[in-house]
Amino acid sequence: MSGYAFGPRALTITAGDTVTWVNQDSAPHDVKTTSGPESVRSPMLDKGGTWSHTFTVAGSYGYVCTVHPGMTAQLVVKTAATRKPAPELPAHQHGDPAPSSAASPAREPAPATTSAHPHGTKSAAAAAPAPSSAAPSTPADPGPQAQPAAAADTARPLDPLLILAGVVAGVAVLCLLLVGSRSAAEGAAGQGGGADGQQ
């Protein structure tokens, strides 16, 4: 407050800041809000008197000296920026390794491939590095050796009618052969008899 005027005439602060008015005139002055989200009123300040107020509500405030209405000023209070707290990291004792789940995502073990050997044994070779010894081992895939047994189990048995038909066909062929050989033998005997009679 100097020269019958507020200085500065316009001021911008942040919520939580404190403003102090100092009367440097010989005449008394005060501070009274004429607009704003909250009402502010100071006592009458004589020369050298001071008064402070902490603004906690954001908004635009207009104020005046009630003794000298020509003394006006504007005060803008901005919302204080909120800071996000930093995430707390778990504390570890010196020498203790950090949990693997916090350091990197868990790696799934690679599928194992199986190969058959001539003697019927199987060996599993992992396509990727094997997991740590602490991880439970997964049983190997039974592999292609189990397929012939499964195929044999699922094979359909021969139909008895087909077997019977095969037997009947075999007997018929055998009978035809016997009849043919007998007729051939009788024909040969007949020709031999005719030749003897001509002699």
N, C-alpha and C. Protein backbone atom coordinates (compact mmCIF):
# COMPACT_ATOMS: atom_id res chain seq x y z
N MET A 1 0.86 -1.17 0.00
CA MET A 1 0.00 0.00 0.00
C MET A 1 0.91 1.23 0.00
N SER A 2 0.95 1.91 -1.16
CA SER A 2 1.81 3.08 -1.26
C SER A 2 1.24 4.01 -2.30
N GLY A 3 1.20 5.28 -2.00
CA GLY A 3 0.69 6.28 -2.93
C GLY A 3 -0.79 6.07 -3.19
N TYR A 4 -1.50 5.64 -2.19
CA TYR A 4 -2.93 5.37 -2.29
C TYR A 4 -3.24 4.37 -3.43
N ALA A 5 -2.42 3.35 -3.47
CA ALA A 5 -2.63 2.30 -4.47
C ALA A 5 -2.01 1.00 -3.95
N PHE A 6 -2.60 -0.10 -4.42
CA PHE A 6 -2.03 -1.42 -4.12
C PHE A 6 -0.98 -1.74 -5.19
N GLY A 7 0.13 -2.27 -4.74
CA GLY A 7 1.15 -2.68 -5.70
C GLY A 7 1.66 -4.10 -5.37
N PRO A 8 1.59 -4.94 -6.35
CA PRO A 8 1.09 -4.72 -7.72
C PRO A 8 -0.43 -4.74 -7.77
N ARG A 9 -0.96 -4.19 -8.86
CA ARG A 9 -2.42 -4.14 -9.01
C ARG A 9 -2.97 -5.53 -9.31
N ALA A 10 -2.17 -6.41 -9.90
CA ALA A 10 -2.61 -7.77 -10.21
C ALA A 10 -1.49 -8.73 -9.76
N LEU A 11 -1.90 -9.80 -9.10
CA LEU A 11 -0.94 -10.76 -8.56
C LEU A 11 -1.49 -12.17 -8.73
N THR A 12 -0.64 -13.09 -9.16
CA THR A 12 -1.04 -14.50 -9.31
C THR A 12 -0.21 -15.35 -8.35
N ILE A 13 -0.89 -16.15 -7.55
CA ILE A 13 -0.21 -17.00 -6.58
C ILE A 13 -0.78 -18.42 -6.70
N THR A 14 -0.26 -19.33 -5.89
CA THR A 14 -0.73 -20.72 -5.84
C THR A 14 -1.41 -20.96 -4.51
N ALA A 15 -2.46 -21.78 -4.53
CA ALA A 15 -3.18 -22.10 -3.30
C ALA A 15 -2.20 -22.58 -2.24
N GLY A 16 -2.32 -22.00 -1.06
CA GLY A 16 -1.39 -22.30 0.03
C GLY A 16 -0.38 -21.20 0.25
N ASP A 17 -0.27 -20.24 -0.71
CA ASP A 17 0.67 -19.13 -0.54
C ASP A 17 0.08 -18.08 0.40
N THR A 18 0.97 -17.33 1.02
CA THR A 18 0.57 -16.27 1.96
C THR A 18 0.94 -14.92 1.37
N VAL A 19 -0.01 -13.96 1.41
CA VAL A 19 0.21 -12.60 0.91
C VAL A 19 0.24 -11.64 2.11
N THR A 20 1.21 -10.75 2.11
CA THR A 20 1.36 -9.78 3.20
C THR A 20 1.23 -8.36 2.64
N TRP A 21 0.34 -7.60 3.24
CA TRP A 21 0.15 -6.19 2.86
C TRP A 21 0.86 -5.31 3.88
N VAL A 22 1.56 -4.30 3.38
CA VAL A 22 2.30 -3.36 4.23
C VAL A 22 1.83 -1.94 3.89
N ASN A 23 1.38 -1.21 4.86
CA ASN A 23 0.91 0.16 4.63
C ASN A 23 2.10 1.11 4.74
N GLN A 24 2.46 1.72 3.58
CA GLN A 24 3.57 2.66 3.55
C GLN A 24 3.09 4.11 3.41
N ASP A 25 1.76 4.29 3.50
CA ASP A 25 1.20 5.64 3.43
C ASP A 25 0.98 6.16 4.85
N SER A 26 0.83 7.46 4.95
CA SER A 26 0.52 8.05 6.25
C SER A 26 -0.94 7.86 6.59
N ALA A 27 -1.81 7.66 5.56
CA ALA A 27 -3.23 7.45 5.80
C ALA A 27 -3.48 5.96 6.09
N PRO A 28 -4.52 5.63 6.87
CA PRO A 28 -4.83 4.23 7.15
C PRO A 28 -5.46 3.55 5.93
N HIS A 29 -5.20 2.27 5.81
CA HIS A 29 -5.77 1.46 4.73
C HIS A 29 -6.19 0.10 5.31
N ASP A 30 -7.06 -0.57 4.54
CA ASP A 30 -7.43 -1.95 4.88
C ASP A 30 -7.61 -2.75 3.58
N VAL A 31 -7.92 -4.05 3.74
CA VAL A 31 -8.14 -4.94 2.59
C VAL A 31 -9.48 -5.63 2.80
N LYS A 32 -10.33 -5.52 1.77
CA LYS A 32 -11.64 -6.19 1.83
C LYS A 32 -11.96 -6.71 0.43
N THR A 33 -12.29 -8.01 0.34
CA THR A 33 -12.61 -8.61 -0.96
C THR A 33 -13.98 -8.15 -1.40
N THR A 34 -14.07 -7.89 -2.72
CA THR A 34 -15.36 -7.52 -3.32
C THR A 34 -15.90 -8.67 -4.18
N SER A 35 -15.03 -9.63 -4.51
CA SER A 35 -15.45 -10.81 -5.28
C SER A 35 -14.46 -11.93 -4.98
N GLY A 36 -14.91 -13.14 -5.25
CA GLY A 36 -14.03 -14.29 -5.03
C GLY A 36 -14.74 -15.42 -4.32
N PRO A 37 -14.13 -16.58 -4.28
CA PRO A 37 -14.76 -17.75 -3.66
C PRO A 37 -14.86 -17.66 -2.14
N GLU A 38 -14.09 -16.78 -1.50
CA GLU A 38 -14.20 -16.63 -0.05
C GLU A 38 -14.03 -15.15 0.30
N SER A 39 -14.56 -14.76 1.47
CA SER A 39 -14.50 -13.36 1.91
C SER A 39 -13.27 -13.15 2.78
N VAL A 40 -12.54 -12.06 2.49
CA VAL A 40 -11.34 -11.71 3.24
C VAL A 40 -11.48 -10.26 3.70
N ARG A 41 -11.15 -10.01 4.98
CA ARG A 41 -11.24 -8.65 5.53
C ARG A 41 -10.12 -8.47 6.54
N SER A 42 -9.32 -7.42 6.33
CA SER A 42 -8.21 -7.14 7.24
C SER A 42 -8.62 -6.06 8.23
N PRO A 43 -7.90 -5.95 9.33
CA PRO A 43 -8.13 -4.81 10.23
C PRO A 43 -7.58 -3.52 9.59
N MET A 44 -7.89 -2.39 10.16
CA MET A 44 -7.38 -1.12 9.65
C MET A 44 -5.90 -1.03 9.98
N LEU A 45 -5.10 -0.73 8.94
CA LEU A 45 -3.65 -0.69 9.11
C LEU A 45 -3.18 0.76 9.07
N ASP A 46 -2.50 1.17 10.12
CA ASP A 46 -1.88 2.49 10.13
C ASP A 46 -0.54 2.43 9.42
N LYS A 47 0.15 3.55 9.35
CA LYS A 47 1.42 3.60 8.65
C LYS A 47 2.40 2.60 9.29
N GLY A 48 3.00 1.75 8.43
CA GLY A 48 3.94 0.74 8.90
C GLY A 48 3.27 -0.56 9.35
N GLY A 49 1.94 -0.57 9.36
CA GLY A 49 1.24 -1.78 9.78
C GLY A 49 1.26 -2.86 8.68
N THR A 50 1.24 -4.10 9.10
CA THR A 50 1.24 -5.22 8.15
C THR A 50 0.13 -6.19 8.50
N TRP A 51 -0.32 -6.90 7.48
CA TRP A 51 -1.33 -7.95 7.68
C TRP A 51 -1.11 -9.04 6.61
N SER A 52 -1.21 -10.30 7.03
CA SER A 52 -0.97 -11.43 6.13
C SER A 52 -2.18 -12.35 6.11
N HIS A 53 -2.37 -12.98 4.96
CA HIS A 53 -3.47 -13.94 4.81
C HIS A 53 -3.00 -15.06 3.87
N THR A 54 -3.31 -16.32 4.25
CA THR A 54 -2.98 -17.49 3.42
C THR A 54 -4.21 -17.89 2.63
N PHE A 55 -4.08 -17.91 1.31
CA PHE A 55 -5.19 -18.26 0.42
C PHE A 55 -5.12 -19.77 0.13
N THR A 56 -6.18 -20.48 0.47
CA THR A 56 -6.24 -21.93 0.26
C THR A 56 -7.25 -22.33 -0.79
N VAL A 57 -8.17 -21.41 -1.14
CA VAL A 57 -9.21 -21.70 -2.13
C VAL A 57 -8.84 -21.03 -3.43
N ALA A 58 -8.75 -21.83 -4.51
CA ALA A 58 -8.38 -21.28 -5.80
C ALA A 58 -9.53 -20.44 -6.36
N GLY A 59 -9.15 -19.42 -7.14
CA GLY A 59 -10.16 -18.57 -7.76
C GLY A 59 -9.60 -17.17 -7.98
N SER A 60 -10.47 -16.27 -8.46
CA SER A 60 -10.09 -14.88 -8.72
C SER A 60 -10.71 -13.99 -7.65
N TYR A 61 -9.88 -13.20 -7.01
CA TYR A 61 -10.33 -12.32 -5.93
C TYR A 61 -10.13 -10.86 -6.35
N GLY A 62 -11.18 -10.07 -6.14
CA GLY A 62 -11.05 -8.62 -6.29
C GLY A 62 -11.14 -8.00 -4.89
N TYR A 63 -10.28 -7.00 -4.60
CA TYR A 63 -10.34 -6.39 -3.26
C TYR A 63 -10.12 -4.89 -3.37
N VAL A 64 -10.47 -4.21 -2.27
CA VAL A 64 -10.49 -2.76 -2.26
C VAL A 64 -10.16 -2.28 -0.84
N CYS A 65 -9.74 -1.01 -0.77
CA CYS A 65 -9.60 -0.36 0.55
C CYS A 65 -10.91 0.35 0.84
N THR A 66 -11.53 0.02 1.95
CA THR A 66 -12.85 0.61 2.26
C THR A 66 -12.76 2.10 2.57
N VAL A 67 -11.57 2.56 3.00
CA VAL A 67 -11.40 3.98 3.29
C VAL A 67 -11.21 4.78 2.00
N HIS A 68 -10.53 4.16 1.03
CA HIS A 68 -10.26 4.81 -0.24
C HIS A 68 -10.74 3.88 -1.35
N PRO A 69 -12.01 3.98 -1.78
CA PRO A 69 -12.57 3.05 -2.77
C PRO A 69 -11.84 3.04 -4.10
N GLY A 70 -11.06 4.04 -4.39
CA GLY A 70 -10.31 4.05 -5.65
C GLY A 70 -9.13 3.07 -5.62
N MET A 71 -8.78 2.59 -4.43
CA MET A 71 -7.67 1.62 -4.33
C MET A 71 -8.24 0.22 -4.56
N THR A 72 -8.05 -0.30 -5.75
CA THR A 72 -8.53 -1.65 -6.08
C THR A 72 -7.37 -2.49 -6.63
N ALA A 73 -7.55 -3.82 -6.53
CA ALA A 73 -6.52 -4.74 -7.04
C ALA A 73 -7.16 -6.10 -7.30
N GLN A 74 -6.42 -6.93 -8.01
CA GLN A 74 -6.90 -8.27 -8.40
C GLN A 74 -5.88 -9.31 -7.94
N LEU A 75 -6.40 -10.43 -7.41
CA LEU A 75 -5.55 -11.53 -6.95
C LEU A 75 -6.10 -12.84 -7.52
N VAL A 76 -5.26 -13.59 -8.22
CA VAL A 76 -5.64 -14.87 -8.81
C VAL A 76 -4.91 -15.98 -8.06
N VAL A 77 -5.69 -16.93 -7.55
CA VAL A 77 -5.12 -18.07 -6.82
C VAL A 77 -5.31 -19.31 -7.68
N LYS A 78 -4.20 -19.93 -8.07
CA LYS A 78 -4.25 -21.14 -8.89
C LYS A 78 -4.19 -22.38 -8.01
N THR A 79 -4.76 -23.47 -8.54
CA THR A 79 -4.73 -24.74 -7.82
C THR A 79 -3.32 -25.28 -7.76
N ALA A 80 -2.93 -25.73 -6.60
CA ALA A 80 -1.58 -26.29 -6.44
C ALA A 80 -1.49 -27.61 -7.18
N ALA A 81 -0.39 -27.80 -7.89
CA ALA A 81 -0.18 -29.04 -8.63
C ALA A 81 0.11 -30.16 -7.65
N THR A 82 -0.60 -31.28 -7.84
CA THR A 82 -0.40 -32.43 -6.96
C THR A 82 0.66 -33.33 -7.55
N ARG A 83 1.56 -33.75 -6.74
CA ARG A 83 2.62 -34.65 -7.18
C ARG A 83 2.26 -36.07 -6.83
N LYS A 84 2.44 -36.97 -7.79
CA LYS A 84 2.18 -38.38 -7.54
C LYS A 84 3.33 -38.97 -6.74
N PRO A 85 3.02 -39.69 -5.67
CA PRO A 85 4.11 -40.29 -4.89
C PRO A 85 4.84 -41.33 -5.70
N ALA A 86 6.16 -41.37 -5.52
CA ALA A 86 6.97 -42.36 -6.23
C ALA A 86 6.65 -43.75 -5.71
N PRO A 87 6.59 -44.74 -6.58
CA PRO A 87 6.29 -46.10 -6.10
C PRO A 87 7.40 -46.60 -5.20
N GLU A 88 6.99 -47.25 -4.12
CA GLU A 88 7.95 -47.78 -3.17
C GLU A 88 8.46 -49.12 -3.66
N LEU A 89 9.78 -49.26 -3.68
CA LEU A 89 10.39 -50.51 -4.08
C LEU A 89 10.69 -51.33 -2.85
N PRO A 90 10.49 -52.64 -2.90
CA PRO A 90 10.78 -53.46 -1.73
C PRO A 90 12.26 -53.43 -1.40
N ALA A 91 12.53 -53.26 -0.11
CA ALA A 91 13.92 -53.22 0.34
C ALA A 91 14.46 -54.63 0.49
N HIS A 92 15.69 -54.84 0.05
CA HIS A 92 16.34 -56.15 0.16
C HIS A 92 17.60 -56.00 0.98
N GLN A 93 17.90 -57.01 1.71
CA GLN A 93 19.13 -57.01 2.47
C GLN A 93 20.30 -57.16 1.51
N HIS A 94 21.46 -56.70 1.98
CA HIS A 94 22.66 -56.75 1.14
C HIS A 94 23.00 -58.20 0.82
N GLY A 95 23.15 -58.48 -0.46
CA GLY A 95 23.53 -59.84 -0.86
C GLY A 95 22.35 -60.71 -1.23
N ASP A 96 21.12 -60.30 -0.89
CA ASP A 96 19.96 -61.11 -1.24
C ASP A 96 19.51 -60.74 -2.63
N PRO A 97 19.35 -61.70 -3.51
CA PRO A 97 18.90 -61.37 -4.88
C PRO A 97 17.44 -60.97 -4.86
N ALA A 98 17.09 -60.08 -5.79
CA ALA A 98 15.70 -59.65 -5.91
C ALA A 98 14.87 -60.79 -6.47
N PRO A 99 13.58 -60.83 -6.12
CA PRO A 99 12.73 -61.90 -6.66
C PRO A 99 12.71 -61.84 -8.17
N SER A 100 12.70 -63.02 -8.78
CA SER A 100 12.72 -63.07 -10.24
C SER A 100 11.47 -62.46 -10.84
N SER A 101 10.33 -62.52 -10.12
CA SER A 101 9.09 -61.97 -10.67
C SER A 101 9.16 -60.47 -10.78
N ALA A 102 9.95 -59.77 -9.89
CA ALA A 102 10.07 -58.32 -9.97
C ALA A 102 11.08 -57.91 -11.01
N ALA A 103 12.08 -58.74 -11.26
CA ALA A 103 13.13 -58.36 -12.21
C ALA A 103 12.68 -58.55 -13.64
N SER A 104 12.05 -59.65 -13.95
CA SER A 104 11.63 -59.91 -15.33
C SER A 104 10.45 -60.86 -15.30
N PRO A 105 9.61 -60.83 -16.33
CA PRO A 105 8.46 -61.75 -16.36
C PRO A 105 8.93 -63.18 -16.42
N ALA A 106 8.11 -64.05 -15.84
CA ALA A 106 8.46 -65.48 -15.81
C ALA A 106 8.52 -66.04 -17.21
N ARG A 107 9.52 -66.89 -17.45
CA ARG A 107 9.69 -67.52 -18.76
C ARG A 107 9.12 -68.91 -18.71
N GLU A 108 8.28 -69.21 -19.67
CA GLU A 108 7.69 -70.54 -19.73
C GLU A 108 8.70 -71.50 -20.34
N PRO A 109 8.79 -72.73 -19.79
CA PRO A 109 9.74 -73.70 -20.37
C PRO A 109 9.35 -74.05 -21.79
N ALA A 110 10.36 -74.22 -22.64
CA ALA A 110 10.11 -74.57 -24.04
C ALA A 110 9.65 -76.01 -24.14
N PRO A 111 8.80 -76.33 -25.10
CA PRO A 111 8.33 -77.71 -25.25
C PRO A 111 9.47 -78.62 -25.63
N ALA A 112 9.43 -79.85 -25.10
CA ALA A 112 10.50 -80.82 -25.37
C ALA A 112 10.14 -81.65 -26.57
N THR A 113 11.16 -81.98 -27.38
CA THR A 113 10.96 -82.84 -28.54
C THR A 113 11.56 -84.20 -28.25
N THR A 114 10.92 -85.25 -28.73
CA THR A 114 11.37 -86.61 -28.45
C THR A 114 11.86 -87.25 -29.72
N SER A 115 12.84 -88.14 -29.60
CA SER A 115 13.34 -88.88 -30.76
C SER A 115 13.50 -90.34 -30.36
N ALA A 116 13.17 -91.27 -31.27
CA ALA A 116 13.21 -92.70 -30.99
C ALA A 116 14.58 -93.25 -31.36
N HIS A 117 15.06 -94.24 -30.58
CA HIS A 117 16.33 -94.90 -30.83
C HIS A 117 16.06 -96.32 -31.29
N PRO A 118 17.05 -97.00 -31.94
CA PRO A 118 16.80 -98.37 -32.44
C PRO A 118 16.42 -99.35 -31.36
N HIS A 119 16.92 -99.17 -30.13
CA HIS A 119 16.64 -100.13 -29.07
C HIS A 119 15.35 -99.82 -28.33
N GLY A 120 14.58 -98.87 -28.81
CA GLY A 120 13.28 -98.61 -28.18
C GLY A 120 13.35 -97.59 -27.07
N THR A 121 14.49 -96.96 -26.84
CA THR A 121 14.58 -95.95 -25.80
C THR A 121 14.30 -94.60 -26.39
N LYS A 122 13.89 -93.67 -25.55
CA LYS A 122 13.56 -92.33 -26.00
C LYS A 122 14.42 -91.33 -25.24
N SER A 123 14.81 -90.26 -25.91
CA SER A 123 15.55 -89.19 -25.25
C SER A 123 14.88 -87.88 -25.59
N ALA A 124 14.75 -87.00 -24.59
CA ALA A 124 14.09 -85.71 -24.78
C ALA A 124 15.16 -84.64 -24.87
N ALA A 125 15.07 -83.79 -25.93
CA ALA A 125 16.01 -82.68 -26.10
C ALA A 125 15.21 -81.41 -26.08
N ALA A 126 15.52 -80.50 -25.16
CA ALA A 126 14.77 -79.25 -25.04
C ALA A 126 15.18 -78.32 -26.14
N ALA A 127 14.20 -77.65 -26.76
CA ALA A 127 14.49 -76.72 -27.85
C ALA A 127 15.09 -75.43 -27.32
N ALA A 128 14.88 -75.10 -26.04
CA ALA A 128 15.41 -73.89 -25.43
C ALA A 128 16.13 -74.29 -24.16
N PRO A 129 16.92 -73.34 -23.53
CA PRO A 129 17.60 -73.69 -22.29
C PRO A 129 16.62 -74.20 -21.25
N ALA A 130 17.04 -75.24 -20.53
CA ALA A 130 16.17 -75.87 -19.55
C ALA A 130 15.91 -74.91 -18.41
N PRO A 131 14.71 -74.93 -17.80
CA PRO A 131 14.42 -74.06 -16.65
C PRO A 131 15.30 -74.43 -15.48
N SER A 132 15.29 -73.55 -14.45
CA SER A 132 16.13 -73.77 -13.28
C SER A 132 15.72 -75.04 -12.58
N SER A 133 16.67 -75.56 -11.76
CA SER A 133 16.43 -76.83 -11.09
C SER A 133 15.29 -76.73 -10.10
N ALA A 134 14.96 -75.48 -9.66
CA ALA A 134 13.87 -75.35 -8.70
C ALA A 134 12.52 -75.55 -9.35
N ALA A 135 12.44 -75.34 -10.67
CA ALA A 135 11.15 -75.49 -11.36
C ALA A 135 10.83 -76.97 -11.49
N PRO A 136 9.57 -77.37 -11.28
CA PRO A 136 9.20 -78.78 -11.42
C PRO A 136 9.35 -79.22 -12.86
N SER A 137 9.92 -80.42 -13.05
CA SER A 137 10.11 -80.95 -14.40
C SER A 137 8.82 -81.54 -14.92
N THR A 138 8.58 -81.33 -16.20
CA THR A 138 7.35 -81.83 -16.82
C THR A 138 7.65 -83.14 -17.52
N PRO A 139 6.76 -84.11 -17.46
CA PRO A 139 7.02 -85.40 -18.12
C PRO A 139 7.13 -85.22 -19.62
N ALA A 140 8.02 -86.03 -20.23
CA ALA A 140 8.23 -85.93 -21.68
C ALA A 140 7.04 -86.51 -22.42
N ASP A 141 6.86 -86.00 -23.61
CA ASP A 141 5.77 -86.48 -24.45
C ASP A 141 6.02 -87.94 -24.82
N PRO A 142 5.04 -88.83 -24.73
CA PRO A 142 5.29 -90.24 -25.04
C PRO A 142 5.84 -90.47 -26.44
N GLY A 143 5.62 -89.55 -27.38
CA GLY A 143 6.27 -89.62 -28.69
C GLY A 143 5.59 -90.59 -29.63
N PRO A 144 6.24 -90.76 -30.79
CA PRO A 144 5.60 -91.58 -31.83
C PRO A 144 5.59 -93.06 -31.53
N GLN A 145 6.39 -93.57 -30.52
CA GLN A 145 6.42 -95.00 -30.27
C GLN A 145 5.08 -95.51 -29.75
N ALA A 146 4.32 -94.63 -29.10
CA ALA A 146 3.04 -95.08 -28.56
C ALA A 146 2.00 -95.22 -29.66
N GLN A 147 2.25 -94.66 -30.85
CA GLN A 147 1.24 -94.69 -31.89
C GLN A 147 1.00 -96.09 -32.46
N PRO A 148 2.05 -96.95 -32.73
CA PRO A 148 1.75 -98.28 -33.28
C PRO A 148 0.90 -99.12 -32.35
N ALA A 149 1.18 -99.03 -31.03
CA ALA A 149 0.37 -99.82 -30.10
C ALA A 149 -1.07 -99.35 -30.12
N ALA A 150 -1.24 -97.99 -30.15
CA ALA A 150 -2.60 -97.48 -30.18
C ALA A 150 -3.29 -97.90 -31.47
N ALA A 151 -2.52 -97.89 -32.60
CA ALA A 151 -3.13 -98.29 -33.87
C ALA A 151 -3.51 -99.77 -33.84
N ALA A 152 -2.65 -100.60 -33.20
CA ALA A 152 -2.98 -102.03 -33.12
C ALA A 152 -4.21 -102.27 -32.27
N ASP A 153 -4.33 -101.44 -31.19
CA ASP A 153 -5.49 -101.63 -30.33
C ASP A 153 -6.77 -101.23 -31.04
N THR A 154 -6.67 -100.23 -31.91
CA THR A 154 -7.89 -99.74 -32.55
C THR A 154 -8.18 -100.47 -33.86
N ALA A 155 -7.30 -101.44 -34.32
CA ALA A 155 -7.54 -102.16 -35.58
C ALA A 155 -8.79 -103.04 -35.46
N ARG A 156 -9.57 -103.06 -36.52
CA ARG A 156 -10.81 -103.85 -36.49
C ARG A 156 -10.49 -105.33 -36.74
N PRO A 157 -11.10 -106.29 -36.04
CA PRO A 157 -10.88 -107.73 -36.30
C PRO A 157 -11.49 -108.13 -37.65
N LEU A 158 -10.96 -109.22 -38.23
CA LEU A 158 -11.47 -109.69 -39.53
C LEU A 158 -12.89 -110.20 -39.39
N ASP A 159 -13.66 -109.93 -40.40
CA ASP A 159 -15.06 -110.36 -40.38
C ASP A 159 -15.13 -111.88 -40.61
N PRO A 160 -15.83 -112.64 -39.75
CA PRO A 160 -15.96 -114.11 -39.96
C PRO A 160 -16.56 -114.48 -41.31
N LEU A 161 -17.45 -113.67 -41.84
CA LEU A 161 -18.06 -113.97 -43.14
C LEU A 161 -17.01 -113.94 -44.25
N LEU A 162 -16.05 -112.98 -44.11
CA LEU A 162 -15.00 -112.93 -45.13
C LEU A 162 -14.13 -114.19 -45.07
N ILE A 163 -13.84 -114.64 -43.86
CA ILE A 163 -13.04 -115.87 -43.71
C ILE A 163 -13.77 -117.07 -44.34
N LEU A 164 -15.07 -117.17 -44.06
CA LEU A 164 -15.87 -118.28 -44.60
C LEU A 164 -15.91 -118.23 -46.13
N ALA A 165 -16.07 -117.04 -46.67
CA ALA A 165 -16.11 -116.90 -48.13
C ALA A 165 -14.77 -117.31 -48.75
N GLY A 166 -13.67 -116.96 -48.08
CA GLY A 166 -12.36 -117.36 -48.59
C GLY A 166 -12.18 -118.87 -48.58
N VAL A 167 -12.66 -119.52 -47.51
CA VAL A 167 -12.55 -120.98 -47.42
C VAL A 167 -13.38 -121.65 -48.53
N VAL A 168 -14.63 -121.18 -48.74
CA VAL A 168 -15.51 -121.75 -49.77
C VAL A 168 -14.88 -121.58 -51.15
N ALA A 169 -14.29 -120.39 -51.40
CA ALA A 169 -13.67 -120.16 -52.71
C ALA A 169 -12.48 -121.09 -52.91
N GLY A 170 -11.71 -121.31 -51.84
CA GLY A 170 -10.57 -122.21 -51.95
C GLY A 170 -11.00 -123.65 -52.25
N VAL A 171 -12.08 -124.10 -51.56
CA VAL A 171 -12.59 -125.46 -51.80
C VAL A 171 -13.10 -125.61 -53.22
N ALA A 172 -13.80 -124.59 -53.74
CA ALA A 172 -14.34 -124.65 -55.11
C ALA A 172 -13.22 -124.74 -56.13
N VAL A 173 -12.16 -123.92 -55.91
CA VAL A 173 -11.02 -123.97 -56.84
C VAL A 173 -10.38 -125.35 -56.81
N LEU A 174 -10.24 -125.90 -55.59
CA LEU A 174 -9.64 -127.23 -55.46
C LEU A 174 -10.48 -128.29 -56.18
N CYS A 175 -11.81 -128.23 -56.05
CA CYS A 175 -12.70 -129.18 -56.73
C CYS A 175 -12.57 -129.06 -58.25
N LEU A 176 -12.51 -127.84 -58.74
CA LEU A 176 -12.37 -127.63 -60.18
C LEU A 176 -11.05 -128.22 -60.68
N LEU A 177 -10.01 -128.04 -59.90
CA LEU A 177 -8.74 -128.61 -60.31
C LEU A 177 -8.80 -130.14 -60.35
N LEU A 178 -9.44 -130.71 -59.32
CA LEU A 178 -9.55 -132.18 -59.29
C LEU A 178 -10.37 -132.70 -60.48
N VAL A 179 -11.49 -132.05 -60.77
CA VAL A 179 -12.33 -132.48 -61.90
C VAL A 179 -11.59 -132.34 -63.21
N GLY A 180 -10.88 -131.24 -63.36
CA GLY A 180 -10.13 -131.02 -64.60
C GLY A 180 -9.03 -132.06 -64.78
N SER A 181 -8.32 -132.37 -63.70
CA SER A 181 -7.23 -133.36 -63.81
C SER A 181 -7.80 -134.76 -64.09
N ARG A 182 -8.94 -135.10 -63.50
CA ARG A 182 -9.56 -136.42 -63.75
C ARG A 182 -10.00 -136.55 -65.21
N SER A 183 -10.63 -135.50 -65.72
CA SER A 183 -11.09 -135.57 -67.11
C SER A 183 -9.91 -135.64 -68.06
N ALA A 184 -8.84 -134.97 -67.72
CA ALA A 184 -7.63 -135.03 -68.57
C ALA A 184 -7.05 -136.42 -68.55
N ALA A 185 -7.07 -137.05 -67.36
CA ALA A 185 -6.52 -138.40 -67.24
C ALA A 185 -7.38 -139.40 -68.02
N GLU A 186 -8.70 -139.27 -67.95
CA GLU A 186 -9.60 -140.18 -68.68
C GLU A 186 -9.43 -140.00 -70.19
N GLY A 187 -9.23 -138.79 -70.65
CA GLY A 187 -9.04 -138.54 -72.08
C GLY A 187 -7.76 -139.19 -72.57
N ALA A 188 -6.73 -139.07 -71.76
CA ALA A 188 -5.45 -139.66 -72.15
C ALA A 188 -5.55 -141.18 -72.19
N ALA A 189 -6.28 -141.79 -71.26
CA ALA A 189 -6.45 -143.24 -71.24
C ALA A 189 -7.25 -143.70 -72.45
N GLY A 190 -8.24 -142.95 -72.86
CA GLY A 190 -9.06 -143.31 -74.00
C GLY A 190 -8.24 -143.31 -75.29
N GLN A 191 -7.41 -142.33 -75.43
CA GLN A 191 -6.56 -142.28 -76.62
C GLN A 191 -5.58 -143.42 -76.68
N GLY A 192 -5.06 -143.85 -75.52
CA GLY A 192 -4.15 -144.96 -75.47
C GLY A 192 -4.83 -146.25 -75.87
N GLY A 193 -6.05 -146.47 -75.45
CA GLY A 193 -6.82 -147.69 -75.80
C GLY A 193 -7.10 -147.76 -77.27
N GLY A 194 -7.42 -146.63 -77.93
CA GLY A 194 -7.75 -146.61 -79.34
C GLY A 194 -6.52 -146.97 -80.19
N ALA A 195 -5.38 -146.49 -79.75
CA ALA A 195 -4.14 -146.79 -80.48
C ALA A 195 -3.82 -148.25 -80.41
N ASP A 196 -4.07 -148.93 -79.27
CA ASP A 196 -3.80 -150.37 -79.12
C ASP A 196 -4.72 -151.15 -80.05
N GLY A 197 -5.98 -150.74 -80.20
CA GLY A 197 -6.93 -151.48 -81.05
C GLY A 197 -6.54 -151.37 -82.51
N GLN A 198 -6.01 -150.29 -82.95
CA GLN A 198 -5.63 -150.13 -84.35
C GLN A 198 -4.44 -151.01 -84.67
N GLN A 199 -3.55 -151.22 -83.73
CA GLN A 199 -2.41 -152.09 -83.97
C GLN A 199 -2.90 -153.53 -84.09
